[in-house]
C-alpha atoms as a PDB file:
ATOM      1  CA  MET A   1      42.397  48.002  50.676  1.00  0.00           C
ATOM      2  CA  LYS A   2      44.387  45.144  51.306  1.00  0.00           C
ATOM      3  CA  LYS A   3      44.148  43.515  54.793  1.00  0.00           C
ATOM      4  CA  VAL A   4      47.721  43.339  56.885  1.00  0.00           C
ATOM      5  CA  ASN A   5      48.489  40.255  58.396  1.00  0.00           C
ATOM      6  CA  ALA A   6      51.957  40.647  60.014  1.00  0.00           C
ATOM      7  CA  ILE A   7      52.257  36.961  61.057  1.00  0.00           C
ATOM      8  CA  LYS A   8      51.315  35.443  57.932  1.00  0.00           C
ATOM      9  CA  ASP A   9      53.503  37.956  56.042  1.00  0.00           C
ATOM     10  CA  LYS A  10      56.770  37.471  58.002  1.00  0.00           C
ATOM     11  CA  SER A  11      56.352  33.734  58.345  1.00  0.00           C
ATOM     12  CA  PHE A  12      55.968  33.443  54.129  1.00  0.00           C
ATOM     13  CA  ALA A  13      59.000  35.938  54.068  1.00  0.00           C
ATOM     14  CA  PHE A  14      60.732  33.770  56.617  1.00  0.00           C
ATOM     15  CA  ALA A  15      59.958  30.656  54.702  1.00  0.00           C
ATOM     16  CA  ILE A  16      61.462  31.882  51.554  1.00  0.00           C
ATOM     17  CA  ARG A  17      64.580  32.830  53.403  1.00  0.00           C
ATOM     18  CA  VAL A  18      64.894  29.415  54.565  1.00  0.00           C
ATOM     19  CA  VAL A  19      64.363  27.706  51.321  1.00  0.00           C
ATOM     20  CA  LYS A  20      67.166  30.039  49.981  1.00  0.00           C
ATOM     21  CA  THR A  21      69.591  29.241  52.874  1.00  0.00           C
ATOM     22  CA  TYR A  22      68.816  25.419  52.177  1.00  0.00           C
ATOM     23  CA  ARG A  23      69.739  25.835  48.740  1.00  0.00           C
ATOM     24  CA  PHE A  24      72.947  27.570  49.625  1.00  0.00           C
ATOM     25  CA  LEU A  25      74.111  25.032  52.183  1.00  0.00           C
ATOM     26  CA  CYS A  26      73.121  22.066  49.694  1.00  0.00           C
ATOM     27  CA  SER A  27      75.023  23.721  46.703  1.00  0.00           C
ATOM     28  CA  GLU A  28      77.958  25.442  48.242  1.00  0.00           C
ATOM     29  CA  GLN A  29      78.667  24.029  51.406  1.00  0.00           C
ATOM     30  CA  LYS A  30      77.882  20.365  50.657  1.00  0.00           C
ATOM     31  CA  GLU A  31      75.678  20.147  53.869  1.00  0.00           C
ATOM     32  CA  PHE A  32      72.558  17.888  53.693  1.00  0.00           C
ATOM     33  CA  VAL A  33      71.409  16.850  57.098  1.00  0.00           C
ATOM     34  CA  MET A  34      70.807  19.780  59.259  1.00  0.00           C
ATOM     35  CA  SER A  35      69.874  21.803  56.357  1.00  0.00           C
ATOM     36  CA  LYS A  36      67.076  19.467  55.595  1.00  0.00           C
ATOM     37  CA  GLN A  37      65.975  19.761  59.181  1.00  0.00           C
ATOM     38  CA  LEU A  38      66.163  23.504  58.951  1.00  0.00           C
ATOM     39  CA  LEU A  39      64.067  23.541  55.579  1.00  0.00           C
ATOM     40  CA  ARG A  40      61.476  21.326  57.413  1.00  0.00           C
ATOM     41  CA  SER A  41      61.137  23.336  60.542  1.00  0.00           C
ATOM     42  CA  GLY A  42      61.365  26.840  58.970  1.00  0.00           C
ATOM     43  CA  THR A  43      58.825  26.235  56.534  1.00  0.00           C
ATOM     44  CA  ALA A  44      56.393  24.499  58.897  1.00  0.00           C
ATOM     45  CA  ILE A  45      55.792  27.789  60.902  1.00  0.00           C
ATOM     46  CA  GLY A  46      53.804  29.427  58.385  1.00  0.00           C
ATOM     47  CA  ALA A  47      51.914  26.444  57.426  1.00  0.00           C
ATOM     48  CA  LEU A  48      51.118  25.730  61.146  1.00  0.00           C
ATOM     49  CA  TYR A  49      49.972  29.424  61.356  1.00  0.00           C
ATOM     50  CA  ARG A  50      47.629  29.102  58.360  1.00  0.00           C
ATOM     51  CA  GLU A  51      46.349  25.911  59.995  1.00  0.00           C
ATOM     52  CA  ALA A  52      45.711  27.618  63.137  1.00  0.00           C
ATOM     53  CA  GLU A  53      43.559  30.415  61.200  1.00  0.00           C
ATOM     54  CA  GLN A  54      41.073  27.622  60.650  1.00  0.00           C
ATOM     55  CA  ALA A  55      41.066  26.466  64.184  1.00  0.00           C
ATOM     56  CA  GLU A  56      37.707  25.025  65.363  1.00  0.00           C
ATOM     57  CA  SER A  57      38.024  26.695  68.998  1.00  0.00           C
ATOM     58  CA  ARG A  58      40.206  29.011  70.822  1.00  0.00           C
ATOM     59  CA  ALA A  59      41.944  26.026  72.453  1.00  0.00           C
ATOM     60  CA  ASP A  60      42.593  24.568  69.093  1.00  0.00           C
ATOM     61  CA  PHE A  61      44.058  27.762  67.926  1.00  0.00           C
ATOM     62  CA  ILE A  62      46.308  28.086  70.971  1.00  0.00           C
ATOM     63  CA  HIS A  63      47.324  24.542  70.665  1.00  0.00           C
ATOM     64  CA  LYS A  64      48.313  25.029  66.793  1.00  0.00           C
ATOM     65  CA  MET A  65      50.131  28.249  67.523  1.00  0.00           C
ATOM     66  CA  THR A  66      52.251  26.537  70.337  1.00  0.00           C
ATOM     67  CA  ILE A  67      53.242  24.061  67.847  1.00  0.00           C
ATOM     68  CA  ALA A  68      54.361  26.776  65.675  1.00  0.00           C
ATOM     69  CA  GLN A  69      56.261  28.338  68.418  1.00  0.00           C
ATOM     70  CA  LYS A  70      58.042  24.920  68.786  1.00  0.00           C
ATOM     71  CA  GLU A  71      58.940  24.834  65.247  1.00  0.00           C
ATOM     72  CA  CYS A  72      60.528  28.400  65.662  1.00  0.00           C
ATOM     73  CA  ASN A  73      62.535  27.077  68.468  1.00  0.00           C
ATOM     74  CA  GLU A  74      63.868  23.994  66.567  1.00  0.00           C
ATOM     75  CA  THR A  75      64.794  26.598  63.567  1.00  0.00           C
ATOM     76  CA  LEU A  76      66.805  28.591  65.916  1.00  0.00           C
ATOM     77  CA  TYR A  77      68.574  25.482  67.122  1.00  0.00           C
ATOM     78  CA  CYS A  78      69.541  24.241  63.568  1.00  0.00           C
END
């Protein structure tokens, strides 16, 4: 049976949506500045979570998840 990890699955699905949005903004809307920042911050969330999974301590895990939360907030702003 496959182990379910909601944060991992949702962050990956979100990253895919961000990439598709980025492609749309670049090709259809000819927007290149904010869309690039959206791409960076939106895809960083899942990468930071994956990094947090390998944390060396509880404090390290919390720190990495806090950075992921900051990327979420930045993505919302974009």
